[in-house]
């Protein structure tokens, strides 16, 4: 398909935000082109690994087990970001999230009914039937049906910011050549730079070498970084990111949710010197994932090991890689490349400090530093097992500052009249720190739709 040299609306990106923007702009009447940097088989960015999205609703329904009022959604957002979320954008997110299930249904996206019995209990989110890939397939089909021109392996290289307008944008084609387009409006939905190894090294130093990328390798953020150079206003901190604990044997890119390690409360976690460094039972909520990710980045070599015995291993959920097993702690240490005597000493000190409680959750340690405040039980039943863990990056906390209509703000004041941003590119306006499940997908859907409508109306008016 030949590129339209003058589309009404040019959408850069191929994930949730981009598709919602393209569909909304097309439904508003604009002529729309969408550029997805990935090949067709790997289209969709991090959405391919998504499961659920957060939305406001006042009653229990077929998708969620109870009400999640707008006020509660806002309070959760305030709490997780420690009050740093943009209040106008936060309110807009919550209000516009309420009709997401109906809007997605109108695009052919199927959601998982609660009555199926296969879902984890959730009051605040709805689950995608078939996961993120199934949703992407439906949205791409709807975009194509509406007449959106979809181009794979095309990347926005130069967003062409000239003063307060985007004029002539540079696009890299599948052969590596540069083509120039003159869109009426540009919507940036191509993510942040968290898969960009040079960018990570610049802001994280030597620690960057130990970070694995959970999502798409195509999220290099080149257009976003170029806009910042050209005077777009930044928001968030490039030295922070949403990190979670993932299996250290995961691929450097695109491991997805199946690489996450989840059973820390069942065992103990030691660094490469076999030292415990965090209370494994102190947090059993979903926030523990990011808590462990942040601590792993500061471990020597950015690696640690979850140590389990046979009963603990039976509680571990299935994972992409099988655990490393051994009949004794000494043999396990050898298989992990650790000092056997050091691991034995740490296990002995831990086991001696365990004090059982009336329930398994109430077990704790005494006289141990750091303590284990819950789920403590002696690890003494063979076989023993371990999962190596590294920090996995989901997204960074730096992006483009935007107005409520998603227009990109300028550092000197004002906005770029025909440049809009949605999804991870502007996500730090809402979550400059912290995270709660299903939030990124909701942000992409809500602000993708807003960006598409606003961009189309700007051009057509």
Protein backbone atom coordinates (compact mmCIF):
# COMPACT_ATOMS: atom_id res chain seq x y z
CA UNK A 1 0.00 0.00 0.00
CA UNK A 2 1.42 3.38 -1.01
CA UNK A 3 1.70 6.02 1.72
CA UNK A 4 -0.75 8.90 1.48
CA UNK A 5 1.54 11.97 1.32
CA UNK A 6 -1.09 14.25 2.88
CA UNK A 7 -3.37 12.29 5.23
CA UNK A 8 -5.81 14.23 7.34
CA UNK A 9 -4.54 12.36 10.40
CA UNK A 10 -1.31 10.38 10.71
CA UNK A 11 -1.17 7.97 13.67
CA UNK A 12 2.28 6.76 14.73
CA UNK A 13 2.07 3.47 16.64
CA UNK A 14 0.27 0.16 16.47
CA UNK A 15 -0.97 -0.63 19.98
CA UNK A 16 -4.18 0.11 21.84
CA UNK A 17 -3.85 3.90 21.92
CA UNK A 18 -3.00 4.07 18.21
CA UNK A 19 -5.89 1.87 17.14
CA UNK A 20 -8.41 3.71 19.32
CA UNK A 21 -7.12 7.01 17.90
CA UNK A 22 -7.28 5.80 14.29
CA UNK A 23 -10.78 4.35 14.66
CA UNK A 24 -12.10 7.47 16.39
CA UNK A 25 -10.55 9.81 13.83
CA UNK A 26 -11.92 7.77 10.96
CA UNK A 27 -15.40 7.63 12.49
CA UNK A 28 -15.25 11.42 12.82
CA UNK A 29 -14.71 11.61 9.06
CA UNK A 30 -10.97 12.05 8.65
CA UNK A 31 -8.73 10.25 6.15
CA UNK A 32 -6.37 8.28 8.41
CA UNK A 33 -3.02 6.54 7.96
CA UNK A 34 -1.49 4.39 10.71
CA UNK A 35 2.21 3.52 10.91
CA UNK A 36 3.21 0.41 12.88
CA UNK A 37 6.98 0.00 13.21
CA UNK A 38 6.73 -3.75 13.87
CA UNK A 39 6.05 -6.36 11.21
CA UNK A 40 2.47 -7.59 11.06
CA UNK A 41 3.20 -10.73 13.07
CA UNK A 42 4.46 -8.66 16.02
CA UNK A 43 2.06 -5.75 15.76
CA UNK A 44 0.42 -4.20 18.77
CA UNK A 45 3.20 -3.19 21.15
CA UNK A 46 2.82 -4.21 24.79
CA UNK A 47 -0.92 -4.74 24.33
CA UNK A 48 -0.15 -8.27 23.11
CA UNK A 49 0.71 -9.15 26.71
CA UNK A 50 -2.25 -7.38 28.33
CA UNK A 51 -5.11 -9.09 30.15
CA UNK A 52 -7.44 -6.49 31.64
CA UNK A 53 -8.33 -2.82 31.85
CA UNK A 54 -9.58 -0.63 34.68
CA UNK A 55 -12.90 1.18 34.37
CA UNK A 56 -15.39 3.01 36.58
CA UNK A 57 -18.81 1.41 37.18
CA UNK A 58 -21.45 1.78 39.87
CA UNK A 59 -22.75 -1.78 40.18
CA UNK A 60 -21.61 -5.35 39.91
CA UNK A 61 -22.06 -6.59 36.36
CA UNK A 62 -21.27 -9.45 34.03
CA UNK A 63 -17.63 -8.36 33.86
CA UNK A 64 -16.75 -7.30 37.41
CA UNK A 65 -17.61 -8.65 40.85
CA UNK A 66 -18.66 -5.36 42.43
CA UNK A 67 -18.99 -1.61 41.98
CA UNK A 68 -15.98 0.60 41.34
CA UNK A 69 -17.26 4.18 41.67
CA UNK A 70 -15.48 7.06 39.98
CA UNK A 71 -14.53 8.53 43.36
CA UNK A 72 -12.80 5.28 44.35
CA UNK A 73 -10.96 5.12 41.03
CA UNK A 74 -9.73 8.69 41.54
CA UNK A 75 -8.68 7.93 45.11
CA UNK A 76 -6.71 4.87 43.96
CA UNK A 77 -4.95 6.97 41.32
CA UNK A 78 -4.08 9.64 43.89
CA UNK A 79 -2.77 7.05 46.33
CA UNK A 80 -0.59 5.08 43.94
CA UNK A 81 0.98 8.24 42.46
CA UNK A 82 1.36 9.88 45.89
CA UNK A 83 -0.77 12.79 44.69
CA UNK A 84 1.33 13.52 41.61
CA UNK A 85 -1.29 12.67 38.97
CA UNK A 86 -2.60 15.54 36.82
CA UNK A 87 -6.03 16.25 38.34
CA UNK A 88 -7.77 17.30 35.09
CA UNK A 89 -6.46 14.36 33.11
CA UNK A 90 -7.20 11.98 35.98
CA UNK A 91 -10.83 13.07 36.13
CA UNK A 92 -11.09 12.77 32.37
CA UNK A 93 -9.63 9.25 32.49
CA UNK A 94 -12.09 8.10 35.12
CA UNK A 95 -15.14 9.66 33.47
CA UNK A 96 -14.34 8.39 29.99
CA UNK A 97 -13.42 4.90 31.23
CA UNK A 98 -17.03 4.09 32.12
CA UNK A 99 -18.12 3.33 28.55
CA UNK A 100 -15.03 1.38 27.52
CA UNK A 101 -16.74 -2.05 27.60
CA UNK A 102 -19.55 -0.83 25.34
CA UNK A 103 -17.16 0.98 22.97
CA UNK A 104 -14.93 -2.06 22.66
CA UNK A 105 -17.95 -4.26 22.05
CA UNK A 106 -18.90 -1.96 19.18
CA UNK A 107 -15.48 -2.68 17.68
CA UNK A 108 -15.96 -6.43 17.92
CA UNK A 109 -13.80 -6.91 21.03
CA UNK A 110 -15.01 -9.78 23.25
CA UNK A 111 -14.72 -9.52 27.05
CA UNK A 112 -14.54 -12.43 29.47
CA UNK A 113 -17.78 -12.86 31.48
CA UNK A 114 -17.32 -13.33 35.20
CA UNK A 115 -19.71 -16.30 35.15
CA UNK A 116 -17.19 -18.32 33.14
CA UNK A 117 -15.40 -19.11 36.40
CA UNK A 118 -11.92 -18.83 34.86
CA UNK A 119 -11.14 -15.32 36.07
CA UNK A 120 -9.33 -14.16 39.19
CA UNK A 121 -11.80 -12.13 41.28
CA UNK A 122 -11.74 -8.48 40.21
CA UNK A 123 -14.01 -5.63 41.18
CA UNK A 124 -12.07 -2.93 39.39
CA UNK A 125 -11.17 -4.38 36.01
CA UNK A 126 -12.63 -6.21 33.03
CA UNK A 127 -10.74 -9.05 31.32
CA UNK A 128 -10.21 -9.47 27.59
CA UNK A 129 -11.49 -12.74 26.14
CA UNK A 130 -8.42 -14.21 24.46
CA UNK A 131 -6.13 -11.57 25.97
CA UNK A 132 -4.53 -8.55 24.37
CA UNK A 133 -3.81 -10.24 21.05
CA UNK A 134 -7.48 -11.06 20.51
CA UNK A 135 -8.41 -7.44 21.23
CA UNK A 136 -5.75 -6.19 18.82
CA UNK A 137 -7.03 -8.46 16.07
CA UNK A 138 -10.55 -7.10 16.52
CA UNK A 139 -9.40 -3.46 16.57
CA UNK A 140 -7.21 -3.91 13.50
CA UNK A 141 -10.14 -5.52 11.70
CA UNK A 142 -12.41 -2.62 12.65
CA UNK A 143 -9.83 -0.05 11.56
CA UNK A 144 -9.41 -1.79 8.20
CA UNK A 145 -13.19 -2.08 7.75
CA UNK A 146 -13.53 1.67 8.30
CA UNK A 147 -10.85 2.42 5.72
CA UNK A 148 -7.83 3.27 7.88
CA UNK A 149 -4.67 2.81 5.79
CA UNK A 150 -2.39 0.52 7.85
CA UNK A 151 1.32 0.39 7.06
CA UNK A 152 3.62 -2.13 8.77
CA UNK A 153 7.37 -1.65 9.31
CA UNK A 154 7.09 2.11 8.92
CA UNK A 155 8.53 4.24 11.71
CA UNK A 156 8.13 7.92 12.48
CA UNK A 157 11.69 9.23 12.69
CA UNK A 158 11.30 13.02 12.61
CA UNK A 159 7.98 14.49 13.79
CA UNK A 160 8.73 17.71 11.93
CA UNK A 161 7.89 20.17 14.71
CA UNK A 162 8.27 23.72 13.37
CA UNK A 163 7.30 26.34 15.93
CA UNK A 164 3.75 25.58 17.02
CA UNK A 165 2.91 23.18 14.19
CA UNK A 166 3.96 19.87 12.77
CA UNK A 167 4.72 20.45 9.12
CA UNK A 168 6.76 17.86 7.21
CA UNK A 169 7.36 14.57 9.04
CA UNK A 170 10.09 12.07 8.22
CA UNK A 171 9.09 8.39 8.01
CA UNK A 172 11.48 5.44 7.64
CA UNK A 173 10.11 2.79 5.27
CA UNK A 174 10.76 -1.00 5.40
CA UNK A 175 13.86 -0.59 3.19
CA UNK A 176 15.38 2.05 5.47
CA UNK A 177 14.71 4.99 3.17
CA UNK A 178 13.14 8.20 4.44
CA UNK A 179 9.87 9.49 3.06
CA UNK A 180 8.29 12.83 3.95
CA UNK A 181 4.60 13.34 4.62
CA UNK A 182 2.52 16.45 5.33
CA UNK A 183 -0.35 15.36 7.59
CA UNK A 184 -3.04 17.72 8.76
CA UNK A 185 -2.53 16.36 12.28
CA UNK A 186 -0.14 13.89 13.90
CA UNK A 187 -1.03 11.61 16.82
CA UNK A 188 1.98 10.10 18.61
CA UNK A 189 1.09 6.69 20.08
CA UNK A 190 4.40 4.90 19.56
CA UNK A 191 5.27 4.44 23.23
CA UNK A 192 8.23 5.56 25.27
CA UNK A 193 11.95 4.86 24.98
CA UNK A 194 12.12 1.99 27.49
CA UNK A 195 13.35 -0.50 24.86
CA UNK A 196 16.08 1.93 23.81
CA UNK A 197 19.30 0.55 25.33
CA UNK A 198 21.27 3.76 24.73
CA UNK A 199 18.58 5.78 26.52
CA UNK A 200 18.50 3.34 29.44
CA UNK A 201 22.28 3.46 29.80
CA UNK A 202 22.23 7.27 29.74
CA UNK A 203 19.79 7.47 32.65
CA UNK A 204 20.46 4.23 34.55
CA UNK A 205 24.18 3.83 34.03
CA UNK A 206 25.74 0.38 34.43
CA UNK A 207 22.54 -0.96 36.01
CA UNK A 208 20.84 -0.79 32.60
CA UNK A 209 22.74 -3.89 31.46
CA UNK A 210 20.78 -6.00 33.96
CA UNK A 211 17.30 -4.78 32.92
CA UNK A 212 15.15 -7.01 30.74
CA UNK A 213 12.39 -5.51 28.59
CA UNK A 214 9.04 -7.22 29.23
CA UNK A 215 7.44 -5.75 26.12
CA UNK A 216 8.01 -4.91 22.49
CA UNK A 217 11.56 -4.16 21.31
CA UNK A 218 10.11 -1.56 18.93
CA UNK A 219 9.35 0.94 21.70
CA UNK A 220 12.50 2.98 21.16
CA UNK A 221 10.90 6.40 21.62
CA UNK A 222 12.86 8.08 18.85
CA UNK A 223 10.05 10.43 17.81
CA UNK A 224 9.29 11.27 21.43
CA UNK A 225 12.94 12.07 22.17
CA UNK A 226 13.17 14.16 19.00
CA UNK A 227 10.13 16.17 20.10
CA UNK A 228 11.75 16.87 23.45
CA UNK A 229 14.82 18.16 21.60
CA UNK A 230 12.56 20.40 19.52
CA UNK A 231 10.88 22.08 22.48
CA UNK A 232 8.03 19.78 23.55
CA UNK A 233 7.50 19.92 27.31
CA UNK A 234 8.68 16.83 29.21
CA UNK A 235 6.81 15.31 32.11
CA UNK A 236 8.07 12.68 34.55
CA UNK A 237 11.51 11.41 35.50
CA UNK A 238 13.69 9.48 33.01
CA UNK A 239 15.56 7.93 35.94
CA UNK A 240 12.46 6.05 37.11
CA UNK A 241 10.52 3.20 35.54
CA UNK A 242 7.89 0.62 36.35
CA UNK A 243 9.99 -2.45 37.09
CA UNK A 244 8.80 -5.88 38.19
CA UNK A 245 10.58 -9.08 39.17
CA UNK A 246 10.80 -11.47 36.24
CA UNK A 247 12.60 -14.73 35.58
CA UNK A 248 16.26 -14.02 34.93
CA UNK A 249 16.18 -16.52 32.06
CA UNK A 250 13.55 -14.50 30.16
CA UNK A 251 14.48 -13.07 26.73
CA UNK A 252 15.91 -9.58 26.69
CA UNK A 253 12.73 -8.36 24.93
CA UNK A 254 9.07 -9.38 24.73
CA UNK A 255 8.91 -11.92 27.57
CA UNK A 256 5.49 -10.63 28.61
CA UNK A 257 3.44 -11.47 31.68
CA UNK A 258 4.37 -15.17 31.68
CA UNK A 259 7.91 -14.32 32.82
CA UNK A 260 6.75 -12.64 36.04
CA UNK A 261 7.86 -14.29 39.31
CA UNK A 262 5.05 -14.19 41.87
CA UNK A 263 5.63 -16.47 44.86
CA UNK A 264 8.17 -14.53 46.98
CA UNK A 265 6.05 -14.84 50.17
CA UNK A 266 6.43 -18.62 50.02
CA UNK A 267 10.23 -18.59 50.27
CA UNK A 268 13.23 -16.36 50.83
CA UNK A 269 15.07 -14.14 48.37
CA UNK A 270 18.87 -13.85 48.41
CA UNK A 271 21.32 -11.80 46.37
CA UNK A 272 24.44 -13.17 44.68
CA UNK A 273 26.21 -13.22 48.06
CA UNK A 274 23.32 -15.31 49.51
CA UNK A 275 22.13 -12.42 51.72
CA UNK A 276 18.46 -11.69 52.28
CA UNK A 277 17.66 -8.03 51.69
CA UNK A 278 13.86 -7.56 51.92
CA UNK A 279 10.90 -8.82 53.95
CA UNK A 280 9.42 -11.47 51.64
CA UNK A 281 6.13 -11.60 53.55
CA UNK A 282 5.65 -7.87 54.04
CA UNK A 283 3.54 -7.25 50.95
CA UNK A 284 1.25 -9.80 49.35
CA UNK A 285 -0.84 -7.38 47.28
CA UNK A 286 -0.20 -6.85 43.56
CA UNK A 287 2.06 -3.91 44.48
CA UNK A 288 4.71 -6.47 45.47
CA UNK A 289 5.65 -6.94 41.83
CA UNK A 290 6.93 -3.41 41.38
CA UNK A 291 8.35 -3.38 44.91
CA UNK A 292 10.60 -6.32 44.05
CA UNK A 293 11.51 -4.87 40.69
CA UNK A 294 12.76 -1.67 42.29
CA UNK A 295 14.87 -3.59 44.79
CA UNK A 296 16.37 -5.91 42.18
CA UNK A 297 17.77 -2.97 40.23
CA UNK A 298 19.99 -2.20 43.23
CA UNK A 299 21.20 -5.78 43.77
CA UNK A 300 24.76 -6.63 42.72
CA UNK A 301 24.57 -7.52 39.06
CA UNK A 302 20.81 -6.79 39.14
CA UNK A 303 20.07 -10.42 40.01
CA UNK A 304 18.64 -12.30 43.00
CA UNK A 305 17.28 -15.78 43.67
CA UNK A 306 13.97 -16.96 45.10
CA UNK A 307 14.68 -20.05 47.24
CA UNK A 308 11.88 -22.57 47.89
CA UNK A 309 11.51 -26.03 49.33
CA UNK A 310 9.04 -28.71 48.18
CA UNK A 311 5.90 -27.43 50.01
CA UNK A 312 6.65 -23.85 48.97
CA UNK A 313 7.19 -24.91 45.37
CA UNK A 314 3.75 -26.53 45.29
CA UNK A 315 2.21 -23.09 45.90
CA UNK A 316 4.12 -21.48 43.01
CA UNK A 317 1.96 -20.67 39.97
CA UNK A 318 3.00 -22.03 36.57
CA UNK A 319 5.72 -20.03 34.85
CA UNK A 320 7.43 -19.85 31.48
CA UNK A 321 10.62 -21.47 32.77
CA UNK A 322 10.64 -24.43 35.19
CA UNK A 323 12.33 -23.87 38.55
CA UNK A 324 15.91 -24.97 39.03
CA UNK A 325 15.74 -27.95 41.41
CA UNK A 326 18.21 -29.90 43.52
CA UNK A 327 18.05 -32.51 46.31
CA UNK A 328 20.00 -30.35 48.80
CA UNK A 329 20.61 -26.63 49.37
CA UNK A 330 24.32 -27.15 48.67
CA UNK A 331 23.63 -28.69 45.26
CA UNK A 332 21.11 -25.96 44.49
CA UNK A 333 23.73 -23.32 45.29
CA UNK A 334 26.19 -24.96 42.92
CA UNK A 335 23.59 -25.03 40.14
CA UNK A 336 22.92 -21.33 40.71
CA UNK A 337 26.60 -20.41 40.82
CA UNK A 338 26.35 -19.38 44.49
CA UNK A 339 28.51 -20.17 47.54
CA UNK A 340 27.03 -23.36 49.10
CA UNK A 341 28.20 -22.53 52.63
CA UNK A 342 26.76 -19.01 52.43
CA UNK A 343 23.37 -20.29 51.26
CA UNK A 344 23.34 -22.95 54.00
CA UNK A 345 24.12 -20.33 56.64
CA UNK A 346 21.35 -18.01 55.43
CA UNK A 347 18.81 -20.85 55.35
CA UNK A 348 19.84 -22.02 58.83
CA UNK A 349 19.50 -18.53 60.32
CA UNK A 350 16.12 -18.07 58.67
CA UNK A 351 14.77 -21.48 59.74
CA UNK A 352 15.90 -20.91 63.33
CA UNK A 353 14.07 -17.57 63.45
CA UNK A 354 10.72 -18.87 62.14
CA UNK A 355 7.80 -18.71 64.58
CA UNK A 356 4.65 -20.44 63.29
CA UNK A 357 1.34 -18.62 63.63
CA UNK A 358 -2.24 -19.80 64.04
CA UNK A 359 -2.58 -19.62 60.27
CA UNK A 360 0.07 -20.07 57.55
CA UNK A 361 -0.18 -16.35 56.80
CA UNK A 362 0.62 -15.47 60.43
CA UNK A 363 3.99 -17.24 60.49
CA UNK A 364 6.81 -14.76 61.15
CA UNK A 365 10.43 -14.51 62.24
CA UNK A 366 12.00 -13.22 65.44
CA UNK A 367 15.48 -11.78 65.82
CA UNK A 368 16.16 -11.82 62.08
CA UNK A 369 17.13 -8.84 59.96
CA UNK A 370 15.42 -8.17 57.68
CA UNK A 371 12.42 -9.90 59.26
CA UNK A 372 9.83 -11.95 57.45
CA UNK A 373 6.58 -10.57 58.80
CA UNK A 374 4.15 -13.04 57.26
CA UNK A 375 3.93 -16.43 55.51
CA UNK A 376 7.09 -17.58 57.29
CA UNK A 377 7.70 -21.31 57.55
CA UNK A 378 10.91 -23.33 57.69
CA UNK A 379 12.36 -24.28 54.30
CA UNK A 380 13.66 -27.74 55.07
CA UNK A 381 11.85 -30.28 52.86
CA UNK A 382 13.62 -31.50 49.71
CA UNK A 383 13.74 -31.10 46.84
CA UNK A 384 14.82 -27.47 46.94
CA UNK A 385 14.19 -25.08 44.08
CA UNK A 386 15.01 -21.58 42.88
CA UNK A 387 14.01 -18.95 40.37
CA UNK A 388 16.68 -16.44 39.27
CA UNK A 389 15.13 -12.96 39.14
CA UNK A 390 15.99 -9.75 37.30
CA UNK A 391 14.20 -6.40 37.00
CA UNK A 392 11.88 -6.29 33.99
CA UNK A 393 10.88 -2.91 32.61
CA UNK A 394 7.26 -2.37 31.57
CA UNK A 395 7.44 1.34 30.78
CA UNK A 396 9.35 4.46 31.79
CA UNK A 397 8.10 7.45 33.73
CA UNK A 398 9.00 10.16 31.24
CA UNK A 399 6.83 11.38 28.39
CA UNK A 400 5.21 14.40 26.79
CA UNK A 401 3.14 16.91 28.74
CA UNK A 402 -0.31 17.24 27.21
CA UNK A 403 -3.39 19.42 27.58
CA UNK A 404 -6.78 17.80 28.35
CA UNK A 405 -7.48 17.58 24.59
CA UNK A 406 -4.18 15.61 24.30
CA UNK A 407 -2.39 18.39 22.40
CA UNK A 408 1.33 18.34 23.21
CA UNK A 409 2.51 21.24 25.36
CA UNK A 410 5.57 23.35 24.59
CA UNK A 411 8.27 24.14 27.12
CA UNK A 412 8.01 27.85 26.29
CA UNK A 413 4.23 27.79 26.82
CA UNK A 414 1.24 26.97 24.67
CA UNK A 415 0.62 23.81 22.66
CA UNK A 416 1.43 22.38 19.26
CA UNK A 417 -1.79 23.03 17.36
CA UNK A 418 -1.82 19.83 15.30
CA UNK A 419 0.21 17.41 17.45
CA UNK A 420 -1.56 15.04 19.82
CA UNK A 421 -0.28 12.20 22.04
CA UNK A 422 -1.90 9.17 23.65
CA UNK A 423 -0.87 6.04 25.51
CA UNK A 424 2.57 5.55 27.02
CA UNK A 425 3.89 8.67 25.25
CA UNK A 426 1.77 10.83 27.59
CA UNK A 427 1.06 8.34 30.38
CA UNK A 428 3.45 10.00 32.91
CA UNK A 429 1.01 12.92 33.13
CA UNK A 430 -1.23 10.48 35.00
CA UNK A 431 1.21 8.01 36.55
CA UNK A 432 4.63 9.62 37.07
CA UNK A 433 5.17 6.93 39.71
CA UNK A 434 3.47 3.73 40.84
CA UNK A 435 0.98 1.54 39.03
CA UNK A 436 -2.23 -0.43 39.50
CA UNK A 437 -3.43 -3.28 37.30
CA UNK A 438 -5.23 -2.45 34.07
CA UNK A 439 -4.36 1.25 34.20
CA UNK A 440 -2.08 1.53 31.15
CA UNK A 441 -4.65 -0.11 28.88
CA UNK A 442 -7.38 2.24 30.16
CA UNK A 443 -5.17 5.28 29.56
CA UNK A 444 -4.43 4.12 26.01
CA UNK A 445 -8.09 3.54 25.21
CA UNK A 446 -9.45 6.73 26.77
CA UNK A 447 -6.87 9.16 25.49
CA UNK A 448 -6.50 7.38 22.15
CA UNK A 449 -10.18 8.03 21.51
CA UNK A 450 -9.89 11.64 22.66
CA UNK A 451 -6.82 12.24 20.50
CA UNK A 452 -8.51 10.74 17.43
CA UNK A 453 -11.63 12.85 17.83
CA UNK A 454 -9.70 16.05 18.55
CA UNK A 455 -7.24 15.56 15.68
CA UNK A 456 -9.99 14.83 13.17
CA UNK A 457 -12.05 17.80 14.32
CA UNK A 458 -9.00 20.06 14.08
CA UNK A 459 -8.36 19.05 10.45
CA UNK A 460 -11.97 18.94 9.29
CA UNK A 461 -12.90 22.28 10.85
